[in-house]
């Protein structure tokens, strides 16, 4: 038997048994709003996230200077390999991504 996959499929569970007006009337006609209990004295420091205590951590980063086979693109300021040079104008070098 051939099946028309483009035809809308509806089951009895999906078809609404009541109209939109009947659903709105059953809700009481008023808009429902959520009530959030917020203390005015709460600050971001008062919120504790599990595993997020990084106060004792120290960030250590080793900065490697630009190597002889690298250049800094004058447009995006990323350090690229010399093979990525697309254009050099007035001593400024531009990478292939910025020129492409």
C-alpha atoms as a PDB file:
ATOM      1  CA  UNK A   1       0.000   0.000   0.000  1.00  0.00           C
ATOM      2  CA  UNK A   2       1.378   3.384  -0.950  1.00  0.00           C
ATOM      3  CA  UNK A   3       1.812   5.988   1.764  1.00  0.00           C
ATOM      4  CA  UNK A   4       1.547   9.698   1.181  1.00  0.00           C
ATOM      5  CA  UNK A   5       4.288  11.090   3.412  1.00  0.00           C
ATOM      6  CA  UNK A   6       3.318  14.675   2.641  1.00  0.00           C
ATOM      7  CA  UNK A   7      -0.184  14.279   4.037  1.00  0.00           C
ATOM      8  CA  UNK A   8      -0.653  15.605   7.597  1.00  0.00           C
ATOM      9  CA  UNK A   9      -0.879  12.869  10.187  1.00  0.00           C
ATOM     10  CA  UNK A  10      -3.339  13.420  12.999  1.00  0.00           C
ATOM     11  CA  UNK A  11      -4.356  11.063  15.728  1.00  0.00           C
ATOM     12  CA  UNK A  12      -7.207  11.477  18.154  1.00  0.00           C
ATOM     13  CA  UNK A  13      -4.724  12.509  20.874  1.00  0.00           C
ATOM     14  CA  UNK A  14      -3.395  15.379  18.771  1.00  0.00           C
ATOM     15  CA  UNK A  15      -6.744  16.801  17.673  1.00  0.00           C
ATOM     16  CA  UNK A  16      -8.012  19.317  20.202  1.00  0.00           C
ATOM     17  CA  UNK A  17     -11.338  18.360  21.737  1.00  0.00           C
ATOM     18  CA  UNK A  18     -12.045  21.871  22.968  1.00  0.00           C
ATOM     19  CA  UNK A  19     -11.878  25.196  21.216  1.00  0.00           C
ATOM     20  CA  UNK A  20      -9.411  27.917  22.138  1.00  0.00           C
ATOM     21  CA  UNK A  21     -12.183  29.999  23.667  1.00  0.00           C
ATOM     22  CA  UNK A  22     -13.264  27.098  25.874  1.00  0.00           C
ATOM     23  CA  UNK A  23      -9.705  26.554  27.102  1.00  0.00           C
ATOM     24  CA  UNK A  24      -9.269  30.249  27.915  1.00  0.00           C
ATOM     25  CA  UNK A  25     -12.592  30.325  29.769  1.00  0.00           C
ATOM     26  CA  UNK A  26     -11.612  27.294  31.855  1.00  0.00           C
ATOM     27  CA  UNK A  27      -8.423  29.052  32.955  1.00  0.00           C
ATOM     28  CA  UNK A  28     -10.428  31.840  34.498  1.00  0.00           C
ATOM     29  CA  UNK A  29      -9.784  34.434  31.830  1.00  0.00           C
ATOM     30  CA  UNK A  30      -6.938  36.032  33.771  1.00  0.00           C
ATOM     31  CA  UNK A  31      -3.318  35.946  32.843  1.00  0.00           C
ATOM     32  CA  UNK A  32      -1.132  33.774  35.025  1.00  0.00           C
ATOM     33  CA  UNK A  33       2.180  35.196  36.159  1.00  0.00           C
ATOM     34  CA  UNK A  34       5.055  33.486  37.877  1.00  0.00           C
ATOM     35  CA  UNK A  35       6.050  34.715  41.310  1.00  0.00           C
ATOM     36  CA  UNK A  36       9.781  34.796  41.951  1.00  0.00           C
ATOM     37  CA  UNK A  37      11.006  35.061  45.522  1.00  0.00           C
ATOM     38  CA  UNK A  38      14.001  37.404  45.349  1.00  0.00           C
ATOM     39  CA  UNK A  39      15.696  38.833  48.394  1.00  0.00           C
ATOM     40  CA  UNK A  40      16.811  42.413  47.786  1.00  0.00           C
ATOM     41  CA  UNK A  41      19.994  41.805  49.774  1.00  0.00           C
ATOM     42  CA  UNK A  42      21.102  38.893  47.573  1.00  0.00           C
ATOM     43  CA  UNK A  43      24.181  39.529  45.475  1.00  0.00           C
ATOM     44  CA  UNK A  44      26.131  37.415  43.027  1.00  0.00           C
ATOM     45  CA  UNK A  45      28.520  36.506  45.859  1.00  0.00           C
ATOM     46  CA  UNK A  46      25.627  34.923  47.742  1.00  0.00           C
ATOM     47  CA  UNK A  47      24.915  32.402  44.981  1.00  0.00           C
ATOM     48  CA  UNK A  48      26.893  29.185  45.288  1.00  0.00           C
ATOM     49  CA  UNK A  49      27.301  26.968  42.264  1.00  0.00           C
ATOM     50  CA  UNK A  50      28.490  23.395  42.784  1.00  0.00           C
ATOM     51  CA  UNK A  51      32.144  22.988  41.889  1.00  0.00           C
ATOM     52  CA  UNK A  52      32.556  26.666  41.002  1.00  0.00           C
ATOM     53  CA  UNK A  53      34.814  27.761  43.868  1.00  0.00           C
ATOM     54  CA  UNK A  54      37.876  28.980  41.977  1.00  0.00           C
ATOM     55  CA  UNK A  55      38.946  31.584  44.519  1.00  0.00           C
ATOM     56  CA  UNK A  56      42.073  29.635  45.473  1.00  0.00           C
ATOM     57  CA  UNK A  57      43.090  28.942  41.886  1.00  0.00           C
ATOM     58  CA  UNK A  58      45.864  30.803  40.107  1.00  0.00           C
ATOM     59  CA  UNK A  59      45.960  31.127  36.338  1.00  0.00           C
ATOM     60  CA  UNK A  60      49.356  30.404  34.855  1.00  0.00           C
ATOM     61  CA  UNK A  61      49.929  31.012  31.151  1.00  0.00           C
ATOM     62  CA  UNK A  62      53.216  30.752  29.331  1.00  0.00           C
ATOM     63  CA  UNK A  63      53.457  33.306  26.525  1.00  0.00           C
ATOM     64  CA  UNK A  64      55.676  32.211  23.661  1.00  0.00           C
ATOM     65  CA  UNK A  65      57.068  35.089  21.560  1.00  0.00           C
ATOM     66  CA  UNK A  66      56.469  35.198  17.831  1.00  0.00           C
ATOM     67  CA  UNK A  67      58.767  32.727  16.070  1.00  0.00           C
ATOM     68  CA  UNK A  68      60.895  33.500  13.017  1.00  0.00           C
ATOM     69  CA  UNK A  69      58.506  31.584  10.721  1.00  0.00           C
ATOM     70  CA  UNK A  70      55.396  33.401  12.001  1.00  0.00           C
ATOM     71  CA  UNK A  71      53.783  36.803  11.441  1.00  0.00           C
ATOM     72  CA  UNK A  72      50.966  38.797  13.018  1.00  0.00           C
ATOM     73  CA  UNK A  73      48.129  39.651  10.661  1.00  0.00           C
ATOM     74  CA  UNK A  74      47.508  43.404  10.512  1.00  0.00           C
ATOM     75  CA  UNK A  75      43.761  42.876  10.179  1.00  0.00           C
ATOM     76  CA  UNK A  76      42.772  40.153  12.660  1.00  0.00           C
ATOM     77  CA  UNK A  77      45.947  40.352  14.801  1.00  0.00           C
ATOM     78  CA  UNK A  78      46.320  36.575  14.947  1.00  0.00           C
ATOM     79  CA  UNK A  79      49.758  35.001  14.810  1.00  0.00           C
ATOM     80  CA  UNK A  80      49.966  32.882  11.669  1.00  0.00           C
ATOM     81  CA  UNK A  81      52.573  30.782   9.888  1.00  0.00           C
ATOM     82  CA  UNK A  82      54.410  32.511   7.035  1.00  0.00           C
ATOM     83  CA  UNK A  83      52.683  30.212   4.546  1.00  0.00           C
ATOM     84  CA  UNK A  84      49.420  32.031   5.386  1.00  0.00           C
ATOM     85  CA  UNK A  85      50.624  35.412   4.079  1.00  0.00           C
ATOM     86  CA  UNK A  86      48.248  36.561   1.350  1.00  0.00           C
ATOM     87  CA  UNK A  87      49.394  40.161   0.875  1.00  0.00           C
ATOM     88  CA  UNK A  88      52.075  42.468   2.168  1.00  0.00           C
ATOM     89  CA  UNK A  89      51.543  46.199   1.804  1.00  0.00           C
ATOM     90  CA  UNK A  90      53.643  48.972   3.378  1.00  0.00           C
ATOM     91  CA  UNK A  91      55.360  46.452   5.667  1.00  0.00           C
ATOM     92  CA  UNK A  92      52.001  45.140   6.951  1.00  0.00           C
ATOM     93  CA  UNK A  93      51.131  41.516   6.338  1.00  0.00           C
ATOM     94  CA  UNK A  94      47.622  40.126   5.897  1.00  0.00           C
ATOM     95  CA  UNK A  95      46.579  36.481   6.225  1.00  0.00           C
ATOM     96  CA  UNK A  96      44.606  34.442   3.700  1.00  0.00           C
ATOM     97  CA  UNK A  97      41.467  34.444   5.853  1.00  0.00           C
ATOM     98  CA  UNK A  98      41.297  38.248   5.962  1.00  0.00           C
ATOM     99  CA  UNK A  99      42.043  38.622   2.260  1.00  0.00           C
ATOM    100  CA  UNK A 100      39.715  35.791   1.164  1.00  0.00           C
END
